[in-house]
Amino acid sequence: MIEIREAKPSDAVDISEIFRACYGADYAYPQFYDVDLLTKMIYTDDTLLLVAEEPETKQLLGTASVIYNVGAYSDLSGEFGRLAVVPSHRNSGVGTQLMEERLNRVRQRLQIGLIDARLIHPFTQKISERQGFSAVGFMPQKILISYRESIVLMVQYFGDALQLRRNHPRIIPEVYTLAHAAMGNCGIVCDAIIDEDSAPYPFDSEYEIEELSTEGYSSLLRIQRGRVKNREIFGPMRLHYGVFKLLARQSTYLLAKRQGQIVGAVGFTHDQVEKAAKIFELISMDDHVIRHLLSEVERKCREELAVEFIDVDVSAYSPRMQRTLLELDFVPSAYVPASVFHEVERLDAVKMIRLLVPLDLKEIHLSEKSRPIAETVLR
């Protein structure tokens, strides 16, 4: 009988070895190889790290984690991931037991759980679907391991998450098929309103662009407090977290200035290891600066930072922003109902991606429910 328990600091070395055995030297999350970082993760309150142990030999056969997202717009959500089973014990039920225990331990703490299911084999999708997760998106070449792998985004809801959902999102026609499939997989009647009339934000290039410094932080913060009401872009960071926390999370802002005055900014993270970027906040004095800021982030990622994959979570109630990003060659890749916690309700979000390398899916395995979503994104 396998015992599933929370990891102890003394397990860090064995957990690292499990990841090395499963992924070799090219794992996308190198912190799971570093014993000191694993030990820190075991001690922190924002991560649940489990191990599967053989009671007689005390050998660790697998591990799995949940990273809790607290604050910003991802509050009460958790990322289910890093499920790894030593090769000699695959297909023996260890992965299923780890998944079940994760769910038992987080039901009272979360409203939404998310899984990036790798597609090099069908196991993650099968286990996740058996445990109540539903496919809501396909993100081609999202993670970098030995090469850029594609994932299916899967979701499960807990507590009153769906009761808090705001109804009748407004989406552009290019998002509708994806939204209909994702909501259907989650057991939600598609109540989206198709918006064919909203125009994209205008293009105006008469701005000076520079990167945020400590000197410009206070001025930008004053703009944010007065100007950001109906947010159209969401992410794990926000300007008021402070300069040092932003830097620690590999995050920065591009500022747009006109006649020396800041008139807008866009925040994004840059993961050098994964060669990926995520846009997480947009601040603007008026509509005319928005498109220019977004296009500057894309240009900087492509020309200066060697980024290969950009993603952004867009409000499903903001067809104008959806249209603008579509015209900047971002593609709708996931539709997540009740994804964002905002004030007293949960909002749907459209994940849009920009792939800056040629599309090369290699071998992928899709389940019956994830296949229509993948085909929609690729189309």
Protein backbone atom coordinates (compact mmCIF):
# COMPACT_ATOMS: atom_id res chain seq x y z
CA MET A 1 0.00 0.00 0.00
CA ILE A 2 1.48 3.33 -1.08
CA GLU A 3 1.38 6.17 1.46
CA ILE A 4 0.69 9.69 0.18
CA ARG A 5 1.94 12.37 2.57
CA GLU A 6 3.21 15.93 2.61
CA ALA A 7 6.88 16.29 1.78
CA LYS A 8 9.42 16.86 4.55
CA PRO A 9 12.69 18.81 4.20
CA SER A 10 14.57 15.51 4.26
CA ASP A 11 12.71 14.48 1.06
CA ALA A 12 14.21 17.25 -1.08
CA VAL A 13 17.11 15.20 -2.45
CA ASP A 14 14.83 12.30 -3.43
CA ILE A 15 12.28 14.62 -5.05
CA SER A 16 15.03 16.15 -7.14
CA GLU A 17 16.14 12.70 -8.24
CA ILE A 18 12.57 11.81 -9.27
CA PHE A 19 12.45 14.81 -11.61
CA ARG A 20 15.87 13.98 -13.04
CA ALA A 21 14.78 10.40 -13.68
CA CYS A 22 11.61 11.56 -15.44
CA TYR A 23 12.85 14.57 -17.40
CA GLY A 24 16.62 14.29 -17.74
CA ALA A 25 18.60 17.52 -17.67
CA ASP A 26 16.16 19.70 -19.62
CA TYR A 27 13.19 20.24 -17.29
CA ALA A 28 11.40 23.55 -17.80
CA TYR A 29 11.28 24.25 -14.05
CA PRO A 30 14.87 23.96 -12.78
CA GLN A 31 13.84 24.85 -9.21
CA PHE A 32 12.62 21.24 -8.92
CA TYR A 33 16.22 20.09 -9.38
CA ASP A 34 17.68 22.47 -6.81
CA VAL A 35 17.63 20.89 -3.33
CA ASP A 36 17.78 24.26 -1.53
CA LEU A 37 14.84 25.65 -3.53
CA LEU A 38 12.85 22.45 -3.02
CA THR A 39 13.47 22.69 0.73
CA LYS A 40 12.26 26.29 0.72
CA MET A 41 9.16 25.22 -1.24
CA ILE A 42 8.38 22.54 1.33
CA TYR A 43 8.43 25.16 4.11
CA THR A 44 6.28 27.79 2.34
CA ASP A 45 2.52 28.11 2.82
CA ASP A 46 1.77 28.82 -0.85
CA THR A 47 2.79 25.36 -2.08
CA LEU A 48 1.39 21.92 -1.29
CA LEU A 49 4.08 19.36 -2.10
CA LEU A 50 3.15 15.68 -1.79
CA VAL A 51 5.17 12.50 -2.13
CA ALA A 52 4.21 8.85 -2.64
CA GLU A 53 6.21 6.58 -0.35
CA GLU A 54 6.60 2.81 -0.25
CA PRO A 55 6.15 2.18 3.53
CA GLU A 56 8.49 -0.80 3.89
CA THR A 57 11.46 0.49 1.91
CA LYS A 58 10.73 4.21 2.48
CA GLN A 59 11.47 4.76 -1.21
CA LEU A 60 9.77 7.78 -2.81
CA LEU A 61 7.92 6.68 -5.94
CA GLY A 62 6.41 9.95 -7.05
CA THR A 63 5.59 13.55 -6.24
CA ALA A 64 2.95 16.16 -7.07
CA SER A 65 2.29 19.76 -6.08
CA VAL A 66 -0.27 22.54 -6.01
CA ILE A 67 0.90 26.14 -6.13
CA TYR A 68 -1.67 28.40 -4.47
CA ASN A 69 -2.24 31.79 -6.08
CA VAL A 70 -3.22 34.36 -3.48
CA GLY A 71 -3.95 38.00 -4.26
CA ALA A 72 -4.17 39.88 -7.56
CA TYR A 73 -6.76 38.36 -9.91
CA SER A 74 -5.78 34.73 -9.51
CA ASP A 75 -7.01 34.60 -5.91
CA LEU A 76 -8.43 31.29 -4.71
CA SER A 77 -6.93 29.45 -7.68
CA GLY A 78 -4.25 26.80 -7.73
CA GLU A 79 -1.90 25.36 -10.32
CA PHE A 80 -1.89 21.56 -10.19
CA GLY A 81 1.39 20.39 -11.62
CA ARG A 82 4.76 18.70 -11.35
CA LEU A 83 3.23 15.23 -11.06
CA ALA A 84 6.11 12.84 -11.62
CA VAL A 85 6.35 9.09 -11.00
CA VAL A 86 9.60 7.14 -11.18
CA PRO A 87 9.68 5.24 -14.51
CA SER A 88 9.69 1.81 -12.86
CA HIS A 89 6.30 2.48 -11.16
CA ARG A 90 4.35 4.11 -13.98
CA ASN A 91 0.91 2.64 -14.76
CA SER A 92 0.71 1.24 -11.22
CA GLY A 93 -1.79 3.76 -9.83
CA VAL A 94 0.74 6.02 -8.09
CA GLY A 95 -0.16 9.02 -10.27
CA THR A 96 -3.89 8.54 -9.64
CA GLN A 97 -3.35 8.34 -5.87
CA LEU A 98 -1.28 11.52 -5.90
CA MET A 99 -3.98 13.33 -7.88
CA GLU A 100 -6.77 12.16 -5.56
CA GLU A 101 -4.90 13.25 -2.45
CA ARG A 102 -4.14 16.66 -3.95
CA LEU A 103 -7.82 17.21 -4.59
CA ASN A 104 -8.82 16.08 -1.09
CA ARG A 105 -6.41 18.54 0.50
CA VAL A 106 -7.31 21.65 -1.55
CA ARG A 107 -11.09 21.52 -1.95
CA GLN A 108 -11.66 23.85 1.00
CA ARG A 109 -8.91 26.28 -0.06
CA LEU A 110 -9.62 26.82 -3.77
CA GLN A 111 -12.37 27.87 -6.12
CA ILE A 112 -10.57 26.91 -9.32
CA GLY A 113 -7.80 24.44 -10.13
CA LEU A 114 -5.77 24.48 -13.36
CA ILE A 115 -3.56 21.88 -15.02
CA ASP A 116 -1.14 22.25 -17.93
CA ALA A 117 -1.43 18.73 -19.35
CA ARG A 118 1.59 17.73 -21.43
CA LEU A 119 0.76 15.99 -24.69
CA ILE A 120 3.80 13.82 -25.32
CA HIS A 121 1.73 11.01 -23.79
CA PRO A 122 -2.00 10.65 -22.95
CA PHE A 123 -1.57 9.85 -19.24
CA THR A 124 -1.97 13.33 -17.73
CA GLN A 125 -5.18 14.03 -19.66
CA LYS A 126 -6.67 10.66 -18.77
CA ILE A 127 -5.89 10.96 -15.05
CA SER A 128 -7.11 14.58 -14.97
CA GLU A 129 -10.38 13.82 -16.74
CA ARG A 130 -11.07 10.92 -14.37
CA GLN A 131 -10.57 13.31 -11.46
CA GLY A 132 -13.05 15.89 -12.79
CA PHE A 133 -10.87 18.28 -14.81
CA SER A 134 -12.13 19.60 -18.17
CA ALA A 135 -10.24 20.77 -21.25
CA VAL A 136 -10.69 24.49 -21.96
CA GLY A 137 -7.69 25.34 -24.13
CA PHE A 138 -4.79 24.22 -26.29
CA MET A 139 -1.50 26.11 -26.13
CA PRO A 140 0.91 24.98 -28.85
CA GLN A 141 4.60 24.94 -27.90
CA LYS A 142 3.99 26.64 -24.55
CA ILE A 143 6.68 24.99 -22.42
CA LEU A 144 10.34 24.46 -23.16
CA ILE A 145 11.87 21.17 -22.03
CA SER A 146 14.15 19.49 -24.55
CA TYR A 147 12.00 21.22 -27.20
CA ARG A 148 8.87 23.39 -27.10
CA GLU A 149 6.00 21.14 -25.99
CA SER A 150 2.29 21.78 -26.42
CA ILE A 151 -0.20 21.53 -23.56
CA VAL A 152 -3.93 21.23 -23.02
CA LEU A 153 -5.22 23.58 -20.33
CA MET A 154 -7.66 21.83 -17.97
CA VAL A 155 -9.83 23.26 -15.20
CA GLN A 156 -11.94 22.15 -12.24
CA TYR A 157 -14.20 24.28 -10.02
CA PHE A 158 -14.73 24.05 -6.27
CA GLY A 159 -17.20 25.59 -3.84
CA ASP A 160 -19.29 28.46 -5.22
CA ALA A 161 -16.91 29.44 -8.04
CA LEU A 162 -19.49 29.10 -10.80
CA GLN A 163 -22.22 30.74 -8.72
CA LEU A 164 -20.00 33.85 -8.59
CA ARG A 165 -19.48 33.86 -12.36
CA ARG A 166 -20.59 36.97 -14.26
CA ASN A 167 -22.97 35.95 -17.05
CA HIS A 168 -23.15 36.95 -20.71
CA PRO A 169 -19.55 37.70 -21.70
CA ARG A 170 -19.07 39.69 -24.92
CA ILE A 171 -16.65 38.06 -27.31
CA ILE A 172 -15.58 38.53 -30.91
CA PRO A 173 -16.70 35.87 -33.45
CA GLU A 174 -13.19 34.39 -33.63
CA VAL A 175 -13.43 33.41 -29.95
CA TYR A 176 -16.95 31.96 -30.01
CA THR A 177 -16.25 28.40 -31.21
CA LEU A 178 -13.52 28.00 -28.59
CA ALA A 179 -15.74 29.46 -25.84
CA HIS A 180 -18.66 27.20 -26.80
CA ALA A 181 -16.48 24.07 -26.65
CA ALA A 182 -14.80 25.05 -23.37
CA MET A 183 -18.08 25.91 -21.61
CA GLY A 184 -19.64 22.71 -22.90
CA ASN A 185 -16.78 20.65 -21.47
CA CYS A 186 -17.33 22.38 -18.10
CA GLY A 187 -21.08 21.73 -18.14
CA ILE A 188 -21.96 25.40 -18.62
CA VAL A 189 -24.62 26.55 -21.09
CA CYS A 190 -22.88 28.92 -23.51
CA ASP A 191 -24.32 32.37 -22.73
CA ALA A 192 -21.74 34.41 -24.65
CA ILE A 193 -22.87 37.38 -26.73
CA ILE A 194 -21.08 37.66 -30.08
CA ASP A 195 -19.84 41.20 -30.72
CA GLU A 196 -19.20 41.87 -34.40
CA ASP A 197 -19.12 45.66 -34.18
CA SER A 198 -16.44 46.64 -31.64
CA ALA A 199 -13.50 48.25 -33.39
CA PRO A 200 -9.88 47.68 -32.28
CA TYR A 201 -8.03 50.39 -30.43
CA PRO A 202 -6.57 53.00 -32.79
CA PHE A 203 -2.89 53.08 -33.67
CA ASP A 204 -0.87 56.14 -32.68
CA SER A 205 2.93 55.99 -32.74
CA GLU A 206 3.69 59.46 -31.40
CA TYR A 207 5.07 58.20 -28.09
CA GLU A 208 8.47 57.74 -26.51
CA ILE A 209 8.92 54.25 -25.04
CA GLU A 210 11.19 53.48 -22.10
CA GLU A 211 11.49 50.82 -19.40
CA LEU A 212 10.26 51.46 -15.87
CA SER A 213 12.80 52.72 -13.34
CA THR A 214 12.44 53.49 -9.64
CA GLU A 215 12.17 57.19 -10.56
CA GLY A 216 9.09 56.63 -12.73
CA TYR A 217 7.33 54.23 -10.36
CA SER A 218 5.49 56.78 -8.21
CA SER A 219 4.23 58.73 -11.23
CA LEU A 220 2.91 55.56 -12.85
CA LEU A 221 1.29 54.45 -9.61
CA ARG A 222 -0.68 57.71 -9.45
CA ILE A 223 -1.97 57.10 -12.97
CA GLN A 224 -2.96 53.53 -12.11
CA ARG A 225 -4.99 54.59 -9.07
CA GLY A 226 -6.99 57.12 -11.03
CA ARG A 227 -7.32 55.46 -14.43
CA VAL A 228 -7.65 51.69 -14.16
CA LYS A 229 -11.34 50.95 -13.62
CA ASN A 230 -12.59 48.38 -16.09
CA ARG A 231 -9.60 46.11 -16.45
CA GLU A 232 -9.19 44.33 -19.75
CA ILE A 233 -5.96 42.41 -19.06
CA PHE A 234 -5.31 40.29 -15.99
CA GLY A 235 -2.28 38.58 -14.56
CA PRO A 236 -0.44 37.35 -11.46
CA MET A 237 1.27 40.70 -10.77
CA ARG A 238 0.16 44.31 -10.31
CA LEU A 239 2.00 47.59 -10.16
CA HIS A 240 1.23 48.25 -6.50
CA TYR A 241 3.19 45.12 -5.48
CA GLY A 242 6.28 47.35 -5.58
CA VAL A 243 9.41 47.66 -7.70
CA PHE A 244 11.48 45.09 -5.81
CA LYS A 245 8.81 42.39 -5.91
CA LEU A 246 8.30 43.06 -9.61
CA LEU A 247 12.02 42.64 -10.27
CA ALA A 248 12.13 39.46 -8.18
CA ARG A 249 9.34 38.02 -10.34
CA GLN A 250 11.20 38.91 -13.58
CA SER A 251 8.62 41.61 -14.31
CA THR A 252 8.88 45.11 -15.71
CA TYR A 253 6.84 47.80 -17.47
CA LEU A 254 7.23 49.66 -20.72
CA LEU A 255 6.23 53.32 -20.29
CA ALA A 256 4.76 55.47 -23.02
CA LYS A 257 5.53 59.19 -22.73
CA ARG A 258 4.29 62.21 -24.62
CA GLN A 259 6.13 65.51 -24.11
CA GLY A 260 7.90 64.00 -21.13
CA GLN A 261 4.70 62.91 -19.36
CA ILE A 262 3.75 59.26 -18.74
CA VAL A 263 0.47 58.50 -20.52
CA GLY A 264 0.43 54.71 -20.28
CA ALA A 265 2.31 51.53 -19.45
CA VAL A 266 2.18 47.80 -20.02
CA GLY A 267 3.56 45.23 -17.57
CA PHE A 268 5.02 41.89 -18.59
CA THR A 269 7.12 39.06 -17.17
CA HIS A 270 10.09 37.59 -19.02
CA ASP A 271 11.20 34.04 -18.26
CA GLN A 272 14.67 33.67 -19.78
CA VAL A 273 14.80 29.92 -19.15
CA GLU A 274 11.52 29.18 -20.91
CA LYS A 275 12.00 31.97 -23.47
CA ALA A 276 8.47 33.09 -22.68
CA ALA A 277 6.71 36.32 -21.73
CA LYS A 278 3.33 37.13 -20.18
CA ILE A 279 1.54 40.48 -20.39
CA PHE A 280 -0.19 41.08 -17.06
CA GLU A 281 -1.31 44.71 -16.75
CA LEU A 282 -2.23 47.67 -18.95
CA ILE A 283 -2.47 51.26 -17.69
CA SER A 284 -3.51 54.11 -19.99
CA MET A 285 -4.60 57.73 -19.87
CA ASP A 286 -6.63 57.32 -23.08
CA ASP A 287 -7.44 54.80 -25.82
CA HIS A 288 -4.81 55.99 -28.29
CA VAL A 289 -1.76 54.63 -26.44
CA ILE A 290 -3.06 51.08 -25.89
CA ARG A 291 -2.30 49.49 -29.25
CA HIS A 292 1.14 51.07 -29.44
CA LEU A 293 2.10 49.70 -26.02
CA LEU A 294 0.98 46.19 -26.92
CA SER A 295 2.82 46.26 -30.23
CA GLU A 296 5.99 47.50 -28.45
CA VAL A 297 5.92 44.57 -26.03
CA GLU A 298 5.61 42.15 -28.95
CA ARG A 299 8.45 43.89 -30.81
CA LYS A 300 10.75 43.92 -27.77
CA CYS A 301 10.10 40.24 -27.06
CA ARG A 302 10.75 39.29 -30.67
CA GLU A 303 13.74 41.52 -31.48
CA GLU A 304 15.56 42.03 -28.17
CA LEU A 305 14.68 39.30 -25.68
CA ALA A 306 14.68 36.16 -27.86
CA VAL A 307 11.20 35.28 -26.57
CA GLU A 308 9.46 32.45 -28.41
CA PHE A 309 6.03 32.42 -26.73
CA ILE A 310 3.88 35.32 -25.42
CA ASP A 311 0.53 34.96 -23.66
CA VAL A 312 -2.02 37.30 -22.15
CA ASP A 313 -5.29 36.81 -20.24
CA VAL A 314 -7.96 39.09 -21.69
CA SER A 315 -11.33 39.90 -20.19
CA ALA A 316 -14.10 38.00 -21.96
CA TYR A 317 -16.23 41.14 -21.55
CA SER A 318 -13.85 43.36 -23.59
CA PRO A 319 -14.32 42.60 -27.29
CA ARG A 320 -12.33 45.69 -28.25
CA MET A 321 -9.19 44.35 -26.56
CA GLN A 322 -9.78 40.90 -28.05
CA ARG A 323 -10.00 42.45 -31.52
CA THR A 324 -6.86 44.55 -30.99
CA LEU A 325 -4.75 41.57 -29.97
CA LEU A 326 -6.12 39.50 -32.84
CA GLU A 327 -4.94 42.20 -35.26
CA LEU A 328 -1.51 42.03 -33.59
CA ASP A 329 -1.38 38.33 -34.54
CA PHE A 330 -2.34 36.95 -31.12
CA VAL A 331 -4.54 33.85 -31.35
CA PRO A 332 -7.30 32.79 -28.90
CA SER A 333 -6.00 29.56 -27.36
CA ALA A 334 -8.13 28.99 -24.25
CA TYR A 335 -11.42 30.10 -22.77
CA VAL A 336 -11.58 29.80 -18.98
CA PRO A 337 -14.97 30.44 -17.35
CA ALA A 338 -14.86 32.13 -13.91
CA SER A 339 -11.08 32.42 -14.22
CA VAL A 340 -10.54 35.83 -12.63
CA PHE A 341 -11.61 36.97 -9.17
CA HIS A 342 -12.52 40.67 -9.40
CA GLU A 343 -14.26 42.60 -6.61
CA VAL A 344 -17.25 40.34 -5.73
CA GLU A 345 -17.49 38.10 -8.79
CA ARG A 346 -15.53 35.79 -11.05
CA LEU A 347 -14.96 36.78 -14.68
CA ASP A 348 -14.35 34.63 -17.75
CA ALA A 349 -11.00 35.10 -19.48
CA VAL A 350 -9.74 34.49 -23.00
CA LYS A 351 -6.11 33.37 -23.16
CA MET A 352 -4.46 34.72 -26.29
CA ILE A 353 -1.00 33.72 -27.46
CA ARG A 354 1.64 34.90 -29.93
CA LEU A 355 4.02 32.20 -31.14
CA LEU A 356 7.30 33.72 -32.35
CA VAL A 357 8.79 30.49 -33.72
CA PRO A 358 7.51 28.28 -36.55
CA LEU A 359 4.65 25.98 -35.62
CA ASP A 360 6.07 22.49 -35.07
CA LEU A 361 3.81 20.29 -32.94
CA LYS A 362 5.82 17.07 -33.23
CA GLU A 363 3.91 14.11 -31.75
CA ILE A 364 0.91 15.01 -29.58
CA HIS A 365 -1.80 12.89 -27.95
CA LEU A 366 -5.25 14.45 -27.57
CA SER A 367 -8.25 13.07 -25.72
CA GLU A 368 -11.73 13.00 -27.24
CA LYS A 369 -12.74 16.17 -25.37
CA SER A 370 -9.55 18.13 -25.95
CA ARG A 371 -9.26 17.37 -29.67
CA PRO A 372 -12.04 19.77 -30.86
CA ILE A 373 -10.47 22.59 -28.83
CA ALA A 374 -7.00 21.92 -30.27
CA GLU A 375 -8.40 21.81 -33.80
CA THR A 376 -10.19 25.13 -33.24
CA VAL A 377 -7.01 26.85 -32.01
CA LEU A 378 -4.89 25.46 -34.85
CA ARG A 379 -7.48 26.48 -37.43
